[in-house]
N, C-alpha and C. Protein backbone atom coordinates (compact mmCIF):
# COMPACT_ATOMS: atom_id res chain seq x y z
N MET A 1 0.84 -1.18 0.00
CA MET A 1 0.00 0.00 0.00
C MET A 1 0.88 1.24 0.00
N SER A 2 0.50 2.21 -0.75
CA SER A 2 1.24 3.45 -0.87
C SER A 2 1.09 4.27 0.40
N THR A 3 2.16 4.93 0.79
CA THR A 3 2.07 5.82 1.95
C THR A 3 1.22 7.03 1.62
N ALA A 4 1.06 7.32 0.32
CA ALA A 4 0.23 8.45 -0.09
C ALA A 4 -1.22 8.26 0.34
N ALA A 5 -1.62 7.01 0.51
CA ALA A 5 -3.00 6.73 0.87
C ALA A 5 -3.33 7.21 2.28
N VAL A 6 -2.35 7.30 3.15
CA VAL A 6 -2.61 7.69 4.52
C VAL A 6 -2.16 9.11 4.84
N GLU A 7 -1.59 9.78 3.89
CA GLU A 7 -1.18 11.17 4.11
C GLU A 7 -2.41 12.05 4.24
N THR A 8 -2.31 13.08 5.06
CA THR A 8 -3.35 14.08 5.06
C THR A 8 -2.85 15.23 4.22
N LEU A 9 -3.70 15.67 3.33
CA LEU A 9 -3.31 16.74 2.42
C LEU A 9 -3.75 18.08 2.99
N PRO A 10 -2.88 19.07 2.96
CA PRO A 10 -3.27 20.38 3.47
C PRO A 10 -4.29 21.02 2.55
N VAL A 11 -5.19 21.78 3.13
CA VAL A 11 -6.15 22.54 2.33
C VAL A 11 -5.44 23.80 1.88
N GLU A 12 -5.45 24.01 0.58
CA GLU A 12 -4.76 25.18 0.05
C GLU A 12 -5.59 26.43 0.29
N PRO A 13 -4.99 27.47 0.81
CA PRO A 13 -5.74 28.71 1.04
C PRO A 13 -6.05 29.39 -0.28
N ALA A 14 -7.10 30.20 -0.27
CA ALA A 14 -7.44 30.96 -1.47
C ALA A 14 -6.29 31.90 -1.80
N ARG A 15 -6.05 32.05 -3.07
CA ARG A 15 -4.96 32.93 -3.49
C ARG A 15 -5.44 34.38 -3.49
N PRO A 16 -4.65 35.27 -2.92
CA PRO A 16 -5.05 36.69 -2.87
C PRO A 16 -5.26 37.23 -4.28
N GLY A 17 -6.31 38.03 -4.43
CA GLY A 17 -6.55 38.69 -5.70
C GLY A 17 -7.23 37.80 -6.74
N ARG A 18 -7.57 36.57 -6.38
CA ARG A 18 -8.24 35.68 -7.32
C ARG A 18 -9.54 35.22 -6.70
N PHE A 19 -10.55 35.15 -7.52
CA PHE A 19 -11.79 34.59 -7.02
C PHE A 19 -12.04 33.27 -7.73
N ALA A 20 -12.84 32.46 -7.13
CA ALA A 20 -13.09 31.12 -7.67
C ALA A 20 -13.55 31.21 -9.11
N GLY A 21 -12.97 30.38 -9.96
CA GLY A 21 -13.40 30.29 -11.34
C GLY A 21 -12.57 31.10 -12.30
N LYS A 22 -11.79 32.03 -11.84
CA LYS A 22 -11.02 32.86 -12.75
C LYS A 22 -9.56 32.45 -12.70
N GLY A 23 -9.08 31.88 -13.79
CA GLY A 23 -7.68 31.53 -13.91
C GLY A 23 -7.26 30.34 -13.08
N VAL A 24 -8.17 29.44 -12.78
CA VAL A 24 -7.82 28.29 -11.94
C VAL A 24 -7.94 26.96 -12.68
N CYS A 25 -8.09 26.99 -13.98
CA CYS A 25 -8.29 25.73 -14.73
C CYS A 25 -7.14 24.77 -14.54
N TYR A 26 -5.91 25.26 -14.59
CA TYR A 26 -4.77 24.36 -14.41
C TYR A 26 -4.73 23.82 -12.99
N ASP A 27 -5.06 24.68 -12.02
CA ASP A 27 -5.11 24.21 -10.63
C ASP A 27 -6.18 23.14 -10.47
N LEU A 28 -7.34 23.37 -11.08
CA LEU A 28 -8.41 22.38 -11.00
C LEU A 28 -7.99 21.06 -11.63
N ALA A 29 -7.35 21.12 -12.78
CA ALA A 29 -6.90 19.89 -13.45
C ALA A 29 -5.90 19.14 -12.57
N ARG A 30 -5.02 19.86 -11.92
CA ARG A 30 -4.04 19.23 -11.03
C ARG A 30 -4.73 18.58 -9.84
N ILE A 31 -5.69 19.27 -9.26
CA ILE A 31 -6.42 18.73 -8.11
C ILE A 31 -7.23 17.50 -8.53
N ILE A 32 -7.88 17.57 -9.69
CA ILE A 32 -8.66 16.43 -10.18
C ILE A 32 -7.77 15.22 -10.39
N GLU A 33 -6.61 15.43 -10.98
CA GLU A 33 -5.67 14.32 -11.21
C GLU A 33 -5.20 13.74 -9.88
N SER A 34 -4.92 14.59 -8.92
CA SER A 34 -4.50 14.13 -7.60
C SER A 34 -5.63 13.36 -6.91
N MET A 35 -6.85 13.85 -7.05
CA MET A 35 -8.00 13.16 -6.47
C MET A 35 -8.17 11.78 -7.10
N ASN A 36 -7.93 11.66 -8.39
CA ASN A 36 -8.03 10.36 -9.05
C ASN A 36 -7.01 9.38 -8.46
N ARG A 37 -5.79 9.85 -8.24
CA ARG A 37 -4.77 8.97 -7.62
C ARG A 37 -5.20 8.57 -6.22
N ARG A 38 -5.71 9.51 -5.43
CA ARG A 38 -6.16 9.20 -4.07
C ARG A 38 -7.33 8.23 -4.10
N PHE A 39 -8.24 8.42 -5.06
CA PHE A 39 -9.38 7.52 -5.15
C PHE A 39 -8.91 6.10 -5.48
N GLN A 40 -7.92 5.99 -6.35
CA GLN A 40 -7.38 4.66 -6.64
C GLN A 40 -6.73 4.05 -5.40
N ASP A 41 -6.11 4.88 -4.57
CA ASP A 41 -5.58 4.38 -3.29
C ASP A 41 -6.72 3.85 -2.41
N VAL A 42 -7.83 4.58 -2.37
CA VAL A 42 -8.99 4.14 -1.59
C VAL A 42 -9.51 2.81 -2.13
N VAL A 43 -9.59 2.68 -3.45
CA VAL A 43 -10.05 1.43 -4.06
C VAL A 43 -9.12 0.29 -3.67
N ARG A 44 -7.81 0.53 -3.70
CA ARG A 44 -6.85 -0.51 -3.30
C ARG A 44 -7.06 -0.94 -1.85
N ILE A 45 -7.32 0.02 -0.97
CA ILE A 45 -7.58 -0.28 0.44
C ILE A 45 -8.84 -1.13 0.57
N GLU A 46 -9.88 -0.75 -0.14
CA GLU A 46 -11.14 -1.51 -0.08
C GLU A 46 -10.94 -2.92 -0.63
N LEU A 47 -10.17 -3.06 -1.71
CA LEU A 47 -9.90 -4.39 -2.26
C LEU A 47 -9.18 -5.26 -1.24
N ALA A 48 -8.17 -4.69 -0.58
CA ALA A 48 -7.44 -5.44 0.45
C ALA A 48 -8.37 -5.83 1.59
N ARG A 49 -9.26 -4.91 1.95
CA ARG A 49 -10.19 -5.16 3.06
C ARG A 49 -11.11 -6.34 2.77
N ILE A 50 -11.52 -6.51 1.51
CA ILE A 50 -12.44 -7.61 1.18
C ILE A 50 -11.71 -8.82 0.60
N GLY A 51 -10.36 -8.75 0.58
CA GLY A 51 -9.56 -9.91 0.20
C GLY A 51 -9.40 -10.15 -1.28
N VAL A 52 -9.56 -9.12 -2.09
CA VAL A 52 -9.36 -9.24 -3.54
C VAL A 52 -7.93 -8.80 -3.84
N GLU A 53 -7.12 -9.76 -4.29
CA GLU A 53 -5.71 -9.47 -4.52
C GLU A 53 -5.31 -9.59 -5.99
N ASP A 54 -6.23 -10.02 -6.84
CA ASP A 54 -5.87 -10.27 -8.23
C ASP A 54 -6.24 -9.14 -9.18
N LEU A 55 -6.72 -8.00 -8.65
CA LEU A 55 -7.12 -6.88 -9.50
C LEU A 55 -6.44 -5.59 -9.06
N SER A 56 -6.19 -4.74 -10.05
CA SER A 56 -5.68 -3.40 -9.75
C SER A 56 -6.87 -2.44 -9.61
N ALA A 57 -6.61 -1.25 -9.10
CA ALA A 57 -7.66 -0.25 -8.95
C ALA A 57 -8.25 0.12 -10.31
N VAL A 58 -7.40 0.25 -11.32
CA VAL A 58 -7.90 0.61 -12.66
C VAL A 58 -8.81 -0.49 -13.20
N GLN A 59 -8.46 -1.74 -12.97
CA GLN A 59 -9.31 -2.84 -13.43
C GLN A 59 -10.66 -2.82 -12.70
N VAL A 60 -10.65 -2.50 -11.43
CA VAL A 60 -11.91 -2.41 -10.68
C VAL A 60 -12.75 -1.27 -11.22
N LEU A 61 -12.13 -0.14 -11.55
CA LEU A 61 -12.88 0.98 -12.11
C LEU A 61 -13.49 0.59 -13.45
N MET A 62 -12.81 -0.24 -14.23
CA MET A 62 -13.39 -0.73 -15.48
C MET A 62 -14.64 -1.56 -15.19
N LEU A 63 -14.57 -2.40 -14.16
CA LEU A 63 -15.74 -3.19 -13.77
C LEU A 63 -16.89 -2.27 -13.38
N MET A 64 -16.58 -1.23 -12.62
CA MET A 64 -17.61 -0.29 -12.19
C MET A 64 -18.23 0.44 -13.39
N HIS A 65 -17.42 0.75 -14.40
CA HIS A 65 -17.95 1.39 -15.60
C HIS A 65 -18.88 0.47 -16.38
N ILE A 66 -18.58 -0.80 -16.39
CA ILE A 66 -19.46 -1.76 -17.09
C ILE A 66 -20.75 -1.92 -16.31
N GLY A 67 -20.64 -2.11 -15.01
CA GLY A 67 -21.82 -2.23 -14.15
C GLY A 67 -22.76 -3.32 -14.61
N ASN A 68 -24.04 -3.00 -14.66
CA ASN A 68 -25.07 -3.97 -15.06
C ASN A 68 -25.35 -3.94 -16.55
N GLU A 69 -24.58 -3.20 -17.29
CA GLU A 69 -24.83 -3.05 -18.72
C GLU A 69 -24.01 -4.04 -19.54
N GLU A 70 -24.36 -4.13 -20.81
CA GLU A 70 -23.54 -4.84 -21.79
C GLU A 70 -23.02 -3.77 -22.73
N LEU A 71 -21.72 -3.63 -22.80
CA LEU A 71 -21.09 -2.55 -23.57
C LEU A 71 -20.18 -3.09 -24.64
N SER A 72 -19.97 -2.28 -25.67
CA SER A 72 -18.89 -2.59 -26.60
C SER A 72 -17.59 -2.13 -25.96
N VAL A 73 -16.50 -2.64 -26.45
CA VAL A 73 -15.19 -2.21 -25.93
C VAL A 73 -15.03 -0.72 -26.15
N ARG A 74 -15.44 -0.24 -27.31
CA ARG A 74 -15.32 1.20 -27.61
C ARG A 74 -16.09 2.05 -26.60
N ASP A 75 -17.32 1.62 -26.28
CA ASP A 75 -18.12 2.37 -25.29
C ASP A 75 -17.40 2.44 -23.95
N LEU A 76 -16.82 1.32 -23.54
CA LEU A 76 -16.09 1.29 -22.28
C LEU A 76 -14.89 2.23 -22.33
N LEU A 77 -14.15 2.21 -23.42
CA LEU A 77 -12.97 3.06 -23.54
C LEU A 77 -13.36 4.54 -23.48
N GLU A 78 -14.45 4.89 -24.15
CA GLU A 78 -14.89 6.29 -24.13
C GLU A 78 -15.42 6.69 -22.76
N ARG A 79 -16.12 5.80 -22.12
CA ARG A 79 -16.70 6.08 -20.81
C ARG A 79 -15.64 6.29 -19.75
N GLY A 80 -14.55 5.54 -19.85
CA GLY A 80 -13.54 5.61 -18.82
C GLY A 80 -12.27 6.32 -19.22
N ASN A 81 -12.17 6.79 -20.44
CA ASN A 81 -10.96 7.46 -20.92
C ASN A 81 -9.72 6.61 -20.71
N TYR A 82 -9.81 5.35 -21.09
CA TYR A 82 -8.68 4.44 -20.97
C TYR A 82 -7.85 4.49 -22.25
N LEU A 83 -6.55 4.25 -22.11
CA LEU A 83 -5.67 4.20 -23.26
C LEU A 83 -5.72 2.81 -23.88
N GLY A 84 -5.65 2.74 -25.20
CA GLY A 84 -5.83 1.52 -25.96
C GLY A 84 -5.08 0.30 -25.48
N SER A 85 -3.74 0.31 -25.52
CA SER A 85 -2.99 -0.89 -25.18
C SER A 85 -3.13 -1.24 -23.70
N ASN A 86 -3.18 -0.24 -22.85
CA ASN A 86 -3.39 -0.47 -21.43
C ASN A 86 -4.76 -1.08 -21.18
N ALA A 87 -5.77 -0.55 -21.87
CA ALA A 87 -7.13 -1.07 -21.72
C ALA A 87 -7.20 -2.50 -22.22
N SER A 88 -6.54 -2.80 -23.31
CA SER A 88 -6.55 -4.17 -23.84
C SER A 88 -5.95 -5.14 -22.84
N TYR A 89 -4.83 -4.76 -22.24
CA TYR A 89 -4.19 -5.61 -21.23
C TYR A 89 -5.13 -5.84 -20.05
N ASN A 90 -5.73 -4.75 -19.56
CA ASN A 90 -6.62 -4.86 -18.40
C ASN A 90 -7.87 -5.68 -18.71
N LEU A 91 -8.45 -5.48 -19.88
CA LEU A 91 -9.62 -6.27 -20.26
C LEU A 91 -9.28 -7.74 -20.39
N LYS A 92 -8.13 -8.04 -20.98
CA LYS A 92 -7.71 -9.43 -21.12
C LYS A 92 -7.60 -10.07 -19.74
N HIS A 93 -7.00 -9.35 -18.79
CA HIS A 93 -6.86 -9.86 -17.43
C HIS A 93 -8.23 -10.08 -16.78
N LEU A 94 -9.16 -9.15 -16.97
CA LEU A 94 -10.48 -9.26 -16.37
C LEU A 94 -11.25 -10.47 -16.93
N VAL A 95 -11.08 -10.71 -18.23
CA VAL A 95 -11.73 -11.87 -18.84
C VAL A 95 -11.09 -13.16 -18.34
N GLU A 96 -9.76 -13.21 -18.35
CA GLU A 96 -9.05 -14.42 -17.91
C GLU A 96 -9.28 -14.71 -16.43
N SER A 97 -9.49 -13.68 -15.62
CA SER A 97 -9.72 -13.86 -14.18
C SER A 97 -11.18 -14.19 -13.86
N GLY A 98 -12.03 -14.13 -14.87
CA GLY A 98 -13.42 -14.50 -14.68
C GLY A 98 -14.34 -13.40 -14.19
N TYR A 99 -13.91 -12.14 -14.26
CA TYR A 99 -14.75 -11.03 -13.81
C TYR A 99 -15.62 -10.47 -14.94
N VAL A 100 -15.19 -10.66 -16.19
CA VAL A 100 -15.90 -10.12 -17.35
C VAL A 100 -16.10 -11.23 -18.36
N ASP A 101 -17.32 -11.25 -18.94
CA ASP A 101 -17.61 -12.14 -20.06
C ASP A 101 -17.50 -11.30 -21.33
N ARG A 102 -16.76 -11.84 -22.29
CA ARG A 102 -16.55 -11.13 -23.56
C ARG A 102 -17.06 -12.02 -24.68
N ALA A 103 -17.90 -11.44 -25.56
CA ALA A 103 -18.45 -12.21 -26.68
C ALA A 103 -18.50 -11.33 -27.92
N ALA A 104 -18.45 -11.95 -29.07
CA ALA A 104 -18.57 -11.20 -30.33
C ALA A 104 -19.99 -10.67 -30.45
N SER A 105 -20.12 -9.50 -31.00
CA SER A 105 -21.43 -8.89 -31.21
C SER A 105 -22.20 -9.68 -32.26
N ALA A 106 -23.50 -9.83 -32.05
CA ALA A 106 -24.34 -10.54 -33.02
C ALA A 106 -24.42 -9.77 -34.33
N ARG A 107 -24.37 -8.44 -34.27
CA ARG A 107 -24.46 -7.62 -35.49
C ARG A 107 -23.16 -7.52 -36.24
N ASP A 108 -22.06 -7.41 -35.51
CA ASP A 108 -20.75 -7.22 -36.14
C ASP A 108 -19.75 -8.10 -35.41
N ARG A 109 -19.35 -9.20 -36.00
CA ARG A 109 -18.48 -10.18 -35.36
C ARG A 109 -17.10 -9.60 -35.02
N ARG A 110 -16.75 -8.46 -35.60
CA ARG A 110 -15.46 -7.83 -35.31
C ARG A 110 -15.49 -7.07 -33.99
N THR A 111 -16.70 -6.80 -33.50
CA THR A 111 -16.88 -6.00 -32.30
C THR A 111 -17.16 -6.90 -31.11
N ALA A 112 -16.47 -6.65 -30.01
CA ALA A 112 -16.68 -7.44 -28.80
C ALA A 112 -17.68 -6.74 -27.89
N ARG A 113 -18.51 -7.53 -27.23
CA ARG A 113 -19.44 -7.05 -26.23
C ARG A 113 -18.96 -7.52 -24.87
N LEU A 114 -19.07 -6.66 -23.89
CA LEU A 114 -18.59 -6.96 -22.54
C LEU A 114 -19.74 -6.90 -21.55
N LYS A 115 -19.75 -7.82 -20.62
CA LYS A 115 -20.67 -7.74 -19.48
C LYS A 115 -20.00 -8.43 -18.31
N LEU A 116 -20.43 -8.05 -17.13
CA LEU A 116 -19.84 -8.64 -15.93
C LEU A 116 -20.33 -10.07 -15.76
N SER A 117 -19.42 -10.93 -15.34
CA SER A 117 -19.77 -12.30 -14.97
C SER A 117 -20.42 -12.24 -13.60
N PRO A 118 -20.99 -13.36 -13.13
CA PRO A 118 -21.53 -13.36 -11.75
C PRO A 118 -20.47 -12.95 -10.72
N GLN A 119 -19.22 -13.37 -10.90
CA GLN A 119 -18.14 -12.99 -9.99
C GLN A 119 -17.91 -11.47 -10.04
N GLY A 120 -17.91 -10.90 -11.23
CA GLY A 120 -17.75 -9.45 -11.39
C GLY A 120 -18.90 -8.69 -10.78
N LEU A 121 -20.12 -9.19 -10.98
CA LEU A 121 -21.30 -8.54 -10.40
C LEU A 121 -21.24 -8.53 -8.88
N ARG A 122 -20.83 -9.66 -8.27
CA ARG A 122 -20.72 -9.72 -6.81
C ARG A 122 -19.71 -8.70 -6.30
N LEU A 123 -18.57 -8.60 -6.98
CA LEU A 123 -17.55 -7.64 -6.56
C LEU A 123 -18.06 -6.21 -6.67
N VAL A 124 -18.69 -5.87 -7.77
CA VAL A 124 -19.21 -4.51 -7.96
C VAL A 124 -20.28 -4.21 -6.91
N GLU A 125 -21.16 -5.15 -6.62
CA GLU A 125 -22.18 -4.93 -5.59
C GLU A 125 -21.53 -4.67 -4.23
N GLU A 126 -20.50 -5.43 -3.89
CA GLU A 126 -19.81 -5.22 -2.61
C GLU A 126 -19.13 -3.85 -2.57
N LEU A 127 -18.51 -3.45 -3.66
CA LEU A 127 -17.85 -2.15 -3.70
C LEU A 127 -18.86 -1.01 -3.64
N ARG A 128 -20.01 -1.17 -4.26
CA ARG A 128 -21.06 -0.14 -4.17
C ARG A 128 -21.59 -0.04 -2.74
N ARG A 129 -21.68 -1.17 -2.05
CA ARG A 129 -22.11 -1.15 -0.65
C ARG A 129 -21.09 -0.37 0.20
N LEU A 130 -19.80 -0.66 -0.02
CA LEU A 130 -18.76 0.06 0.71
C LEU A 130 -18.77 1.55 0.35
N GLU A 131 -19.04 1.87 -0.91
CA GLU A 131 -19.11 3.26 -1.34
C GLU A 131 -20.26 3.99 -0.62
N ALA A 132 -21.38 3.31 -0.45
CA ALA A 132 -22.52 3.91 0.26
C ALA A 132 -22.15 4.20 1.71
N VAL A 133 -21.43 3.29 2.34
CA VAL A 133 -20.99 3.50 3.73
C VAL A 133 -20.08 4.72 3.80
N ARG A 134 -19.13 4.83 2.87
CA ARG A 134 -18.21 5.98 2.86
C ARG A 134 -18.97 7.28 2.61
N SER A 135 -19.93 7.25 1.71
CA SER A 135 -20.71 8.46 1.41
C SER A 135 -21.49 8.92 2.62
N GLU A 136 -22.10 7.98 3.32
CA GLU A 136 -22.86 8.34 4.53
C GLU A 136 -21.96 8.99 5.57
N ALA A 137 -20.70 8.56 5.63
CA ALA A 137 -19.77 9.14 6.60
C ALA A 137 -19.38 10.57 6.21
N MET A 138 -19.34 10.85 4.92
CA MET A 138 -18.94 12.19 4.46
C MET A 138 -20.12 13.14 4.36
N ILE A 139 -21.29 12.63 4.04
CA ILE A 139 -22.46 13.49 3.83
C ILE A 139 -23.44 13.24 4.97
N ARG A 140 -23.34 14.08 5.98
CA ARG A 140 -24.14 13.87 7.19
C ARG A 140 -25.29 14.85 7.33
N THR A 141 -25.20 15.98 6.66
CA THR A 141 -26.24 16.99 6.79
C THR A 141 -26.73 17.40 5.41
N GLU A 142 -27.83 18.11 5.41
CA GLU A 142 -28.36 18.64 4.14
C GLU A 142 -27.37 19.62 3.52
N ALA A 143 -26.68 20.39 4.34
CA ALA A 143 -25.67 21.32 3.83
C ALA A 143 -24.53 20.55 3.14
N ASP A 144 -24.10 19.44 3.74
CA ASP A 144 -23.07 18.59 3.11
C ASP A 144 -23.56 18.10 1.75
N ALA A 145 -24.80 17.63 1.70
CA ALA A 145 -25.37 17.11 0.45
C ALA A 145 -25.41 18.21 -0.61
N GLN A 146 -25.79 19.42 -0.22
CA GLN A 146 -25.85 20.53 -1.16
C GLN A 146 -24.46 20.89 -1.68
N GLU A 147 -23.46 20.85 -0.80
CA GLU A 147 -22.09 21.15 -1.24
C GLU A 147 -21.59 20.11 -2.24
N PHE A 148 -21.83 18.83 -1.95
CA PHE A 148 -21.40 17.78 -2.87
C PHE A 148 -22.14 17.90 -4.20
N ASP A 149 -23.42 18.22 -4.14
CA ASP A 149 -24.21 18.37 -5.37
C ASP A 149 -23.68 19.54 -6.20
N ALA A 150 -23.39 20.66 -5.55
CA ALA A 150 -22.85 21.83 -6.27
C ALA A 150 -21.48 21.50 -6.87
N THR A 151 -20.65 20.80 -6.12
CA THR A 151 -19.33 20.41 -6.64
C THR A 151 -19.48 19.51 -7.85
N TYR A 152 -20.38 18.54 -7.77
CA TYR A 152 -20.63 17.63 -8.88
C TYR A 152 -21.08 18.41 -10.13
N ARG A 153 -22.05 19.30 -9.95
CA ARG A 153 -22.55 20.08 -11.10
C ARG A 153 -21.44 20.94 -11.70
N THR A 154 -20.61 21.54 -10.86
CA THR A 154 -19.52 22.38 -11.34
C THR A 154 -18.49 21.57 -12.12
N LEU A 155 -18.12 20.42 -11.61
CA LEU A 155 -17.15 19.57 -12.32
C LEU A 155 -17.72 19.08 -13.64
N ARG A 156 -19.01 18.75 -13.68
CA ARG A 156 -19.63 18.31 -14.95
C ARG A 156 -19.64 19.47 -15.96
N ARG A 157 -19.92 20.69 -15.50
CA ARG A 157 -19.89 21.86 -16.40
C ARG A 157 -18.49 22.06 -16.96
N LEU A 158 -17.50 21.94 -16.10
CA LEU A 158 -16.11 22.09 -16.53
C LEU A 158 -15.76 21.01 -17.55
N GLU A 159 -16.16 19.78 -17.29
CA GLU A 159 -15.91 18.69 -18.23
C GLU A 159 -16.56 18.98 -19.59
N ARG A 160 -17.83 19.41 -19.57
CA ARG A 160 -18.51 19.72 -20.83
C ARG A 160 -17.82 20.87 -21.57
N ALA A 161 -17.40 21.89 -20.82
CA ALA A 161 -16.73 23.02 -21.45
C ALA A 161 -15.43 22.58 -22.11
N TRP A 162 -14.65 21.75 -21.43
CA TRP A 162 -13.39 21.26 -22.01
C TRP A 162 -13.66 20.34 -23.20
N CYS A 163 -14.68 19.49 -23.10
CA CYS A 163 -15.02 18.62 -24.24
C CYS A 163 -15.45 19.46 -25.44
N ASP A 164 -16.26 20.49 -25.21
CA ASP A 164 -16.69 21.36 -26.31
C ASP A 164 -15.50 22.08 -26.93
N LEU A 165 -14.59 22.53 -26.09
CA LEU A 165 -13.40 23.21 -26.59
C LEU A 165 -12.59 22.29 -27.50
N ILE A 166 -12.45 21.04 -27.07
CA ILE A 166 -11.71 20.06 -27.88
C ILE A 166 -12.48 19.75 -29.16
N ARG A 167 -13.77 19.47 -29.03
CA ARG A 167 -14.59 19.05 -30.16
C ARG A 167 -14.73 20.16 -31.20
N TYR A 168 -14.98 21.36 -30.75
CA TYR A 168 -15.26 22.45 -31.68
C TYR A 168 -14.10 23.40 -31.87
N ASP A 169 -13.01 23.20 -31.11
CA ASP A 169 -11.80 24.01 -31.23
C ASP A 169 -12.12 25.50 -31.23
N SER A 170 -12.91 25.90 -30.25
CA SER A 170 -13.30 27.30 -30.19
C SER A 170 -13.19 27.80 -28.76
N ALA A 171 -12.35 28.78 -28.57
CA ALA A 171 -12.20 29.38 -27.24
C ALA A 171 -13.37 30.30 -26.93
N SER A 172 -14.23 30.57 -27.92
CA SER A 172 -15.33 31.50 -27.68
C SER A 172 -16.60 30.81 -27.18
N LEU A 173 -16.54 29.51 -26.92
CA LEU A 173 -17.71 28.83 -26.38
C LEU A 173 -18.02 29.38 -25.00
N GLU A 174 -19.31 29.54 -24.73
CA GLU A 174 -19.68 29.99 -23.40
C GLU A 174 -19.44 28.89 -22.40
N TRP A 175 -19.25 29.25 -21.16
CA TRP A 175 -18.88 28.34 -20.08
C TRP A 175 -19.90 27.22 -19.95
N GLY A 176 -19.58 26.08 -20.59
CA GLY A 176 -20.32 24.86 -20.35
C GLY A 176 -21.70 24.74 -20.93
N ASN A 177 -22.15 25.69 -21.74
CA ASN A 177 -23.52 25.54 -22.25
C ASN A 177 -23.56 24.77 -23.57
N GLY A 178 -22.41 24.48 -24.16
CA GLY A 178 -22.36 23.62 -25.34
C GLY A 178 -22.79 24.28 -26.63
N GLU A 179 -23.12 25.57 -26.62
CA GLU A 179 -23.56 26.22 -27.84
C GLU A 179 -22.36 26.66 -28.68
N ILE A 180 -22.51 26.47 -29.98
CA ILE A 180 -21.46 26.90 -30.91
C ILE A 180 -21.83 28.29 -31.41
N PRO A 181 -20.92 29.26 -31.30
CA PRO A 181 -21.24 30.62 -31.73
C PRO A 181 -21.45 30.71 -33.23
């Protein structure tokens, strides 16, 4: 287990002369990336707690992305922003370990369809149960719930704005509304 998993991170004070939302995109990206690493540390701790030693945190997140659905490999890659060769390795491991069932698509034999095996479903259900316990510990009041909801909405707006910027290559897009000028 990484020592980073048990470190307490200092809360960064607001920078003088800056208000939230102005000129903080790089800071937000850095914090989001750091949060992703910390979340993977949490997933590793939860895996150890329930005795799962044959999966990495990234592989578990792939299972969580599949969930109760049947997806194409492409859909999974887009949903999770996984890199091709890394994703192929991880998917191969998940299939060989019995967590994912992979079958050729009935419409296009070149396309693979993925769904969780009973073993994968049990693991995802257990992890969702643990996630609910963690959420209850963090969200204790209506004010906490409102803060998490506002944070979620803000991050989704930022994601849409960045996706629109990439897709339409236009810096003149309004903040997260998806309209093309």
